[in-house]
Amino acid sequence: MSKVRLLILFISMASLLFLALGLIKPWMMLWWEDVQNRRKVIKVYGTVAITFYLIYWILGFI
């Protein structure tokens, strides 16, 4: 279970890195979208980062 928890932490940290990169250059992180802007970057990568961090935190109690 600790390896799954570690993987979830890495996914959360990677999405935070992608969020930071996307705030600088949104087209790098949202290349598949028709319109790339910072709001979409925050929605996509911010949601992923928060969700996976909450899962990591919840798995710490199990």
N, C-alpha and C. Protein backbone atom coordinates (compact mmCIF):
# COMPACT_ATOMS: atom_id res chain seq x y z
N MET A 1 0.82 -1.19 0.00
CA MET A 1 0.00 0.00 0.00
C MET A 1 0.86 1.26 0.00
N SER A 2 2.05 1.17 0.57
CA SER A 2 2.90 2.35 0.63
C SER A 2 3.40 2.74 -0.76
N LYS A 3 3.56 1.77 -1.65
CA LYS A 3 4.01 2.10 -3.01
C LYS A 3 2.90 2.80 -3.79
N VAL A 4 1.68 2.40 -3.56
CA VAL A 4 0.55 3.08 -4.22
C VAL A 4 0.44 4.51 -3.70
N ARG A 5 0.62 4.67 -2.41
CA ARG A 5 0.56 5.99 -1.80
C ARG A 5 1.67 6.88 -2.34
N LEU A 6 2.85 6.33 -2.51
CA LEU A 6 3.98 7.08 -3.07
C LEU A 6 3.71 7.47 -4.53
N LEU A 7 3.14 6.57 -5.30
CA LEU A 7 2.79 6.86 -6.69
C LEU A 7 1.78 8.00 -6.76
N ILE A 8 0.80 7.99 -5.88
CA ILE A 8 -0.20 9.04 -5.85
C ILE A 8 0.44 10.37 -5.48
N LEU A 9 1.40 10.35 -4.57
CA LEU A 9 2.12 11.58 -4.22
C LEU A 9 2.91 12.10 -5.41
N PHE A 10 3.57 11.23 -6.15
CA PHE A 10 4.32 11.65 -7.34
C PHE A 10 3.40 12.25 -8.40
N ILE A 11 2.22 11.67 -8.59
CA ILE A 11 1.26 12.21 -9.55
C ILE A 11 0.81 13.60 -9.12
N SER A 12 0.59 13.76 -7.84
CA SER A 12 0.19 15.07 -7.32
C SER A 12 1.30 16.10 -7.51
N MET A 13 2.53 15.73 -7.23
CA MET A 13 3.64 16.67 -7.39
C MET A 13 3.89 16.99 -8.87
N ALA A 14 3.74 16.00 -9.74
CA ALA A 14 3.91 16.24 -11.17
C ALA A 14 2.84 17.18 -11.70
N SER A 15 1.62 17.02 -11.24
CA SER A 15 0.57 17.92 -11.70
C SER A 15 0.78 19.34 -11.16
N LEU A 16 1.38 19.49 -9.98
CA LEU A 16 1.74 20.83 -9.50
C LEU A 16 2.83 21.45 -10.37
N LEU A 17 3.77 20.64 -10.80
CA LEU A 17 4.81 21.13 -11.71
C LEU A 17 4.20 21.55 -13.04
N PHE A 18 3.29 20.71 -13.57
CA PHE A 18 2.63 21.04 -14.83
C PHE A 18 1.76 22.28 -14.68
N LEU A 19 1.18 22.47 -13.51
CA LEU A 19 0.39 23.67 -13.25
C LEU A 19 1.28 24.91 -13.31
N ALA A 20 2.44 24.83 -12.70
CA ALA A 20 3.36 25.97 -12.72
C ALA A 20 3.83 26.26 -14.15
N LEU A 21 4.15 25.21 -14.90
CA LEU A 21 4.56 25.41 -16.30
C LEU A 21 3.42 25.97 -17.13
N GLY A 22 2.22 25.50 -16.87
CA GLY A 22 1.06 25.96 -17.62
C GLY A 22 0.69 27.40 -17.31
N LEU A 23 1.00 27.87 -16.12
CA LEU A 23 0.74 29.27 -15.82
C LEU A 23 1.70 30.19 -16.57
N ILE A 24 2.87 29.68 -16.89
CA ILE A 24 3.84 30.46 -17.65
C ILE A 24 3.50 30.41 -19.14
N LYS A 25 3.33 29.20 -19.66
CA LYS A 25 3.00 29.02 -21.08
C LYS A 25 1.86 28.01 -21.20
N PRO A 26 0.62 28.46 -21.24
CA PRO A 26 -0.52 27.55 -21.26
C PRO A 26 -0.56 26.60 -22.46
N TRP A 27 -0.04 27.02 -23.60
CA TRP A 27 -0.09 26.16 -24.78
C TRP A 27 0.78 24.92 -24.63
N MET A 28 1.78 24.95 -23.74
CA MET A 28 2.63 23.78 -23.53
C MET A 28 1.86 22.65 -22.85
N MET A 29 0.96 22.99 -21.94
CA MET A 29 0.26 21.99 -21.16
C MET A 29 -1.11 21.66 -21.72
N LEU A 30 -1.67 22.51 -22.54
CA LEU A 30 -3.00 22.27 -23.12
C LEU A 30 -2.93 22.27 -24.64
N TRP A 31 -1.99 21.55 -25.20
CA TRP A 31 -1.78 21.56 -26.64
C TRP A 31 -2.94 20.93 -27.40
N TRP A 32 -3.75 20.09 -26.77
CA TRP A 32 -4.84 19.42 -27.45
C TRP A 32 -6.11 20.27 -27.49
N GLU A 33 -6.17 21.34 -26.72
CA GLU A 33 -7.35 22.20 -26.66
C GLU A 33 -7.32 23.23 -27.79
N ASP A 34 -8.51 23.69 -28.20
CA ASP A 34 -8.59 24.75 -29.20
C ASP A 34 -8.15 26.09 -28.61
N VAL A 35 -8.59 26.35 -27.41
CA VAL A 35 -8.25 27.60 -26.73
C VAL A 35 -7.47 27.24 -25.47
N GLN A 36 -6.26 27.77 -25.36
CA GLN A 36 -5.42 27.52 -24.19
C GLN A 36 -5.32 28.80 -23.39
N ASN A 37 -5.76 28.75 -22.14
CA ASN A 37 -5.59 29.90 -21.27
C ASN A 37 -5.28 29.41 -19.85
N ARG A 38 -4.91 30.34 -19.01
CA ARG A 38 -4.46 29.98 -17.65
C ARG A 38 -5.60 29.43 -16.80
N ARG A 39 -6.81 29.89 -17.05
CA ARG A 39 -7.96 29.38 -16.29
C ARG A 39 -8.16 27.88 -16.53
N LYS A 40 -8.02 27.44 -17.77
CA LYS A 40 -8.15 26.01 -18.07
C LYS A 40 -7.02 25.21 -17.44
N VAL A 41 -5.83 25.77 -17.43
CA VAL A 41 -4.70 25.09 -16.80
C VAL A 41 -4.97 24.88 -15.32
N ILE A 42 -5.50 25.92 -14.66
CA ILE A 42 -5.81 25.79 -13.24
C ILE A 42 -6.91 24.77 -13.02
N LYS A 43 -7.92 24.77 -13.88
CA LYS A 43 -9.02 23.80 -13.74
C LYS A 43 -8.52 22.37 -13.89
N VAL A 44 -7.74 22.11 -14.92
CA VAL A 44 -7.31 20.74 -15.21
C VAL A 44 -6.27 20.27 -14.20
N TYR A 45 -5.15 20.95 -14.14
CA TYR A 45 -4.03 20.48 -13.33
C TYR A 45 -4.20 20.79 -11.84
N GLY A 46 -4.90 21.86 -11.52
CA GLY A 46 -5.18 22.15 -10.12
C GLY A 46 -6.12 21.13 -9.51
N THR A 47 -7.15 20.74 -10.28
CA THR A 47 -8.08 19.73 -9.81
C THR A 47 -7.38 18.39 -9.62
N VAL A 48 -6.54 18.01 -10.56
CA VAL A 48 -5.81 16.75 -10.45
C VAL A 48 -4.88 16.78 -9.24
N ALA A 49 -4.17 17.88 -9.05
CA ALA A 49 -3.24 17.98 -7.92
C ALA A 49 -3.96 17.89 -6.59
N ILE A 50 -5.04 18.62 -6.45
CA ILE A 50 -5.78 18.60 -5.18
C ILE A 50 -6.41 17.24 -4.94
N THR A 51 -7.00 16.65 -5.97
CA THR A 51 -7.65 15.35 -5.83
C THR A 51 -6.65 14.27 -5.41
N PHE A 52 -5.52 14.20 -6.08
CA PHE A 52 -4.55 13.17 -5.75
C PHE A 52 -3.88 13.42 -4.41
N TYR A 53 -3.72 14.69 -4.03
CA TYR A 53 -3.16 14.95 -2.71
C TYR A 53 -4.15 14.54 -1.61
N LEU A 54 -5.43 14.77 -1.83
CA LEU A 54 -6.43 14.32 -0.85
C LEU A 54 -6.47 12.80 -0.75
N ILE A 55 -6.33 12.12 -1.87
CA ILE A 55 -6.28 10.65 -1.84
C ILE A 55 -5.04 10.18 -1.09
N TYR A 56 -3.91 10.84 -1.33
CA TYR A 56 -2.68 10.51 -0.61
C TYR A 56 -2.88 10.71 0.89
N TRP A 57 -3.49 11.78 1.27
CA TRP A 57 -3.72 12.09 2.68
C TRP A 57 -4.69 11.09 3.32
N ILE A 58 -5.73 10.72 2.61
CA ILE A 58 -6.71 9.75 3.12
C ILE A 58 -6.06 8.37 3.27
N LEU A 59 -5.22 7.98 2.31
CA LEU A 59 -4.56 6.68 2.42
C LEU A 59 -3.58 6.62 3.59
N GLY A 60 -3.16 7.75 4.08
CA GLY A 60 -2.29 7.78 5.25
C GLY A 60 -3.00 7.32 6.51
N PHE A 61 -4.30 7.47 6.55
CA PHE A 61 -5.08 7.06 7.72
C PHE A 61 -5.51 5.61 7.65
N ILE A 62 -5.45 5.03 6.48
CA ILE A 62 -5.91 3.62 6.33
C ILE A 62 -4.82 2.66 6.71
